[in-house]
Amino acid sequence: MSHTIRDKDKLKARASKIQGQVTALKNMLDRDHECADILQQIAAIRGAVNGLMREVIKGHLTEHVVHQDDVTQRENDLDVVLKVLTTYIK
């Protein structure tokens, strides 16, 4: 069973938290909140997204790289993570 299926509830809870934070940000913008408050909310959203990314990468590396017996598949799965990280870190 894939780690994203096994951890679906935990990952969905994190995604729901992010969704709530984005909704709160939109509400803050509609109500003319102070710049500092808006920046703080954006930072909180970024932290939550980073946490979700970390969990999915951790599961992927553990399941598809560390415990993968097929060397070719392991290299392909590692390449997936490296490409995503390259895009994400830009």
N, C-alpha and C. Protein backbone atom coordinates (compact mmCIF):
# COMPACT_ATOMS: atom_id res chain seq x y z
N MET A 1 0.85 -1.18 0.00
CA MET A 1 0.00 0.00 0.00
C MET A 1 0.89 1.24 0.00
N SER A 2 0.57 2.18 -0.85
CA SER A 2 1.34 3.41 -0.96
C SER A 2 1.24 4.23 0.33
N HIS A 3 2.30 4.94 0.63
CA HIS A 3 2.32 5.76 1.84
C HIS A 3 1.27 6.87 1.79
N THR A 4 0.95 7.39 0.61
CA THR A 4 -0.07 8.44 0.54
C THR A 4 -1.46 7.87 0.80
N ILE A 5 -1.67 6.61 0.47
CA ILE A 5 -2.95 5.96 0.78
C ILE A 5 -3.00 5.63 2.27
N ARG A 6 -1.91 5.06 2.77
CA ARG A 6 -1.85 4.68 4.19
C ARG A 6 -1.98 5.90 5.10
N ASP A 7 -1.36 7.01 4.71
CA ASP A 7 -1.36 8.22 5.53
C ASP A 7 -2.39 9.26 5.05
N LYS A 8 -3.36 8.81 4.27
CA LYS A 8 -4.32 9.71 3.65
C LYS A 8 -5.00 10.64 4.65
N ASP A 9 -5.47 10.13 5.75
CA ASP A 9 -6.18 10.97 6.72
C ASP A 9 -5.28 12.05 7.30
N LYS A 10 -4.05 11.69 7.61
CA LYS A 10 -3.10 12.65 8.16
C LYS A 10 -2.75 13.73 7.13
N LEU A 11 -2.53 13.31 5.89
CA LEU A 11 -2.20 14.26 4.83
C LEU A 11 -3.39 15.17 4.51
N LYS A 12 -4.59 14.60 4.49
CA LYS A 12 -5.78 15.41 4.24
C LYS A 12 -6.01 16.41 5.35
N ALA A 13 -5.70 16.03 6.59
CA ALA A 13 -5.85 16.96 7.71
C ALA A 13 -4.90 18.14 7.54
N ARG A 14 -3.67 17.87 7.10
CA ARG A 14 -2.72 18.95 6.85
C ARG A 14 -3.21 19.85 5.71
N ALA A 15 -3.72 19.23 4.65
CA ALA A 15 -4.23 20.01 3.51
C ALA A 15 -5.42 20.86 3.93
N SER A 16 -6.27 20.34 4.78
CA SER A 16 -7.42 21.11 5.27
C SER A 16 -6.96 22.29 6.11
N LYS A 17 -5.91 22.09 6.90
CA LYS A 17 -5.36 23.19 7.70
C LYS A 17 -4.85 24.29 6.77
N ILE A 18 -4.15 23.90 5.72
CA ILE A 18 -3.64 24.87 4.75
C ILE A 18 -4.80 25.61 4.09
N GLN A 19 -5.82 24.87 3.72
CA GLN A 19 -7.01 25.48 3.10
C GLN A 19 -7.64 26.51 4.04
N GLY A 20 -7.72 26.18 5.31
CA GLY A 20 -8.26 27.11 6.29
C GLY A 20 -7.40 28.35 6.45
N GLN A 21 -6.09 28.16 6.39
CA GLN A 21 -5.18 29.30 6.50
C GLN A 21 -5.30 30.21 5.29
N VAL A 22 -5.47 29.64 4.10
CA VAL A 22 -5.63 30.45 2.89
C VAL A 22 -6.95 31.20 2.94
N THR A 23 -7.99 30.56 3.42
CA THR A 23 -9.29 31.24 3.56
C THR A 23 -9.17 32.39 4.54
N ALA A 24 -8.46 32.17 5.63
CA ALA A 24 -8.25 33.24 6.61
C ALA A 24 -7.47 34.40 5.99
N LEU A 25 -6.49 34.09 5.17
CA LEU A 25 -5.73 35.13 4.49
C LEU A 25 -6.63 35.95 3.56
N LYS A 26 -7.47 35.27 2.80
CA LYS A 26 -8.39 35.98 1.91
C LYS A 26 -9.32 36.88 2.71
N ASN A 27 -9.80 36.40 3.85
CA ASN A 27 -10.67 37.22 4.70
C ASN A 27 -9.92 38.42 5.25
N MET A 28 -8.66 38.22 5.61
CA MET A 28 -7.85 39.33 6.11
C MET A 28 -7.70 40.41 5.03
N LEU A 29 -7.50 39.99 3.81
CA LEU A 29 -7.35 40.95 2.71
C LEU A 29 -8.65 41.70 2.45
N ASP A 30 -9.78 41.01 2.61
CA ASP A 30 -11.08 41.67 2.44
C ASP A 30 -11.35 42.68 3.54
N ARG A 31 -10.79 42.47 4.72
CA ARG A 31 -11.07 43.33 5.87
C ARG A 31 -9.95 44.34 6.14
N ASP A 32 -9.06 44.51 5.21
CA ASP A 32 -8.00 45.52 5.32
C ASP A 32 -7.17 45.40 6.59
N HIS A 33 -6.64 44.20 6.85
CA HIS A 33 -5.77 44.00 8.00
C HIS A 33 -4.41 44.64 7.75
N GLU A 34 -3.69 44.81 8.82
CA GLU A 34 -2.35 45.38 8.75
C GLU A 34 -1.41 44.47 7.96
N CYS A 35 -0.46 45.09 7.31
CA CYS A 35 0.53 44.39 6.50
C CYS A 35 1.24 43.30 7.31
N ALA A 36 1.65 43.61 8.53
CA ALA A 36 2.37 42.66 9.37
C ALA A 36 1.54 41.41 9.64
N ASP A 37 0.24 41.58 9.87
CA ASP A 37 -0.64 40.44 10.11
C ASP A 37 -0.76 39.57 8.86
N ILE A 38 -0.85 40.21 7.72
CA ILE A 38 -0.96 39.47 6.46
C ILE A 38 0.34 38.71 6.19
N LEU A 39 1.47 39.36 6.42
CA LEU A 39 2.75 38.67 6.24
C LEU A 39 2.88 37.47 7.17
N GLN A 40 2.43 37.62 8.40
CA GLN A 40 2.48 36.52 9.36
C GLN A 40 1.62 35.35 8.88
N GLN A 41 0.47 35.64 8.34
CA GLN A 41 -0.42 34.59 7.84
C GLN A 41 0.21 33.88 6.64
N ILE A 42 0.84 34.65 5.75
CA ILE A 42 1.51 34.04 4.60
C ILE A 42 2.64 33.13 5.08
N ALA A 43 3.38 33.57 6.08
CA ALA A 43 4.46 32.74 6.64
C ALA A 43 3.91 31.45 7.25
N ALA A 44 2.76 31.55 7.91
CA ALA A 44 2.14 30.36 8.50
C ALA A 44 1.72 29.38 7.40
N ILE A 45 1.17 29.90 6.32
CA ILE A 45 0.77 29.05 5.19
C ILE A 45 1.99 28.35 4.60
N ARG A 46 3.04 29.12 4.40
CA ARG A 46 4.26 28.53 3.84
C ARG A 46 4.80 27.43 4.75
N GLY A 47 4.80 27.67 6.04
CA GLY A 47 5.26 26.65 6.98
C GLY A 47 4.42 25.39 6.91
N ALA A 48 3.11 25.56 6.78
CA ALA A 48 2.22 24.41 6.69
C ALA A 48 2.45 23.63 5.39
N VAL A 49 2.65 24.34 4.29
CA VAL A 49 2.93 23.68 3.01
C VAL A 49 4.26 22.94 3.09
N ASN A 50 5.26 23.57 3.69
CA ASN A 50 6.56 22.91 3.86
C ASN A 50 6.43 21.64 4.70
N GLY A 51 5.61 21.69 5.74
CA GLY A 51 5.39 20.51 6.57
C GLY A 51 4.73 19.38 5.80
N LEU A 52 3.75 19.71 4.98
CA LEU A 52 3.09 18.71 4.15
C LEU A 52 4.09 18.12 3.15
N MET A 53 4.86 18.97 2.52
CA MET A 53 5.87 18.50 1.57
C MET A 53 6.87 17.57 2.26
N ARG A 54 7.31 17.95 3.45
CA ARG A 54 8.27 17.14 4.20
C ARG A 54 7.70 15.74 4.49
N GLU A 55 6.45 15.68 4.89
CA GLU A 55 5.83 14.39 5.21
C GLU A 55 5.73 13.49 3.98
N VAL A 56 5.33 14.06 2.85
CA VAL A 56 5.18 13.26 1.64
C VAL A 56 6.54 12.81 1.12
N ILE A 57 7.53 13.70 1.17
CA ILE A 57 8.88 13.32 0.74
C ILE A 57 9.44 12.24 1.66
N LYS A 58 9.24 12.40 2.95
CA LYS A 58 9.72 11.40 3.90
C LYS A 58 9.12 10.03 3.60
N GLY A 59 7.83 9.98 3.37
CA GLY A 59 7.18 8.72 3.03
C GLY A 59 7.68 8.15 1.72
N HIS A 60 7.86 9.02 0.74
CA HIS A 60 8.34 8.57 -0.57
C HIS A 60 9.75 7.99 -0.45
N LEU A 61 10.63 8.72 0.21
CA LEU A 61 12.01 8.23 0.36
C LEU A 61 12.05 6.90 1.12
N THR A 62 11.29 6.82 2.19
CA THR A 62 11.29 5.61 3.00
C THR A 62 10.75 4.42 2.22
N GLU A 63 9.60 4.60 1.59
CA GLU A 63 8.93 3.48 0.93
C GLU A 63 9.52 3.16 -0.44
N HIS A 64 9.81 4.18 -1.22
CA HIS A 64 10.19 3.95 -2.61
C HIS A 64 11.69 3.97 -2.86
N VAL A 65 12.47 4.45 -1.91
CA VAL A 65 13.92 4.49 -2.12
C VAL A 65 14.62 3.56 -1.13
N VAL A 66 14.43 3.79 0.16
CA VAL A 66 15.14 3.00 1.17
C VAL A 66 14.74 1.53 1.11
N HIS A 67 13.46 1.25 1.00
CA HIS A 67 12.99 -0.14 1.04
C HIS A 67 12.77 -0.74 -0.35
N GLN A 68 13.23 -0.08 -1.38
CA GLN A 68 13.06 -0.57 -2.75
C GLN A 68 14.22 -1.49 -3.09
N ASP A 69 13.90 -2.73 -3.46
CA ASP A 69 14.94 -3.70 -3.78
C ASP A 69 15.47 -3.54 -5.21
N ASP A 70 14.61 -3.14 -6.11
CA ASP A 70 14.98 -2.98 -7.52
C ASP A 70 15.80 -1.69 -7.68
N VAL A 71 17.07 -1.84 -8.03
CA VAL A 71 17.98 -0.69 -8.09
C VAL A 71 17.52 0.34 -9.13
N THR A 72 17.06 -0.12 -10.27
CA THR A 72 16.60 0.80 -11.32
C THR A 72 15.39 1.59 -10.84
N GLN A 73 14.44 0.90 -10.20
CA GLN A 73 13.25 1.57 -9.69
C GLN A 73 13.62 2.54 -8.58
N ARG A 74 14.55 2.16 -7.72
CA ARG A 74 15.01 3.03 -6.64
C ARG A 74 15.60 4.32 -7.21
N GLU A 75 16.41 4.19 -8.25
CA GLU A 75 17.00 5.38 -8.88
C GLU A 75 15.93 6.26 -9.52
N ASN A 76 14.94 5.64 -10.15
CA ASN A 76 13.83 6.40 -10.74
C ASN A 76 13.03 7.14 -9.67
N ASP A 77 12.76 6.45 -8.56
CA ASP A 77 12.00 7.07 -7.48
C ASP A 77 12.78 8.19 -6.81
N LEU A 78 14.08 8.03 -6.69
CA LEU A 78 14.91 9.10 -6.14
C LEU A 78 14.93 10.29 -7.09
N ASP A 79 14.99 10.02 -8.39
CA ASP A 79 14.98 11.08 -9.39
C ASP A 79 13.70 11.91 -9.30
N VAL A 80 12.58 11.25 -9.02
CA VAL A 80 11.31 11.96 -8.86
C VAL A 80 11.43 12.99 -7.75
N VAL A 81 11.97 12.59 -6.61
CA VAL A 81 12.10 13.50 -5.47
C VAL A 81 13.05 14.64 -5.81
N LEU A 82 14.16 14.33 -6.44
CA LEU A 82 15.13 15.37 -6.78
C LEU A 82 14.54 16.39 -7.74
N LYS A 83 13.75 15.95 -8.71
CA LYS A 83 13.12 16.88 -9.64
C LYS A 83 12.10 17.77 -8.93
N VAL A 84 11.32 17.17 -8.05
CA VAL A 84 10.34 17.94 -7.30
C VAL A 84 11.04 18.97 -6.42
N LEU A 85 12.09 18.55 -5.74
CA LEU A 85 12.82 19.48 -4.87
C LEU A 85 13.44 20.62 -5.68
N THR A 86 13.95 20.32 -6.86
CA THR A 86 14.52 21.37 -7.71
C THR A 86 13.45 22.40 -8.06
N THR A 87 12.27 21.93 -8.40
CA THR A 87 11.17 22.85 -8.72
C THR A 87 10.70 23.62 -7.49
N TYR A 88 10.60 22.92 -6.37
CA TYR A 88 10.07 23.51 -5.14
C TYR A 88 10.99 24.57 -4.55
N ILE A 89 12.27 24.34 -4.65
CA ILE A 89 13.25 25.24 -4.02
C ILE A 89 13.51 26.50 -4.84
N LYS A 90 13.16 26.48 -6.11
CA LYS A 90 13.40 27.65 -6.97
C LYS A 90 12.82 28.92 -6.39
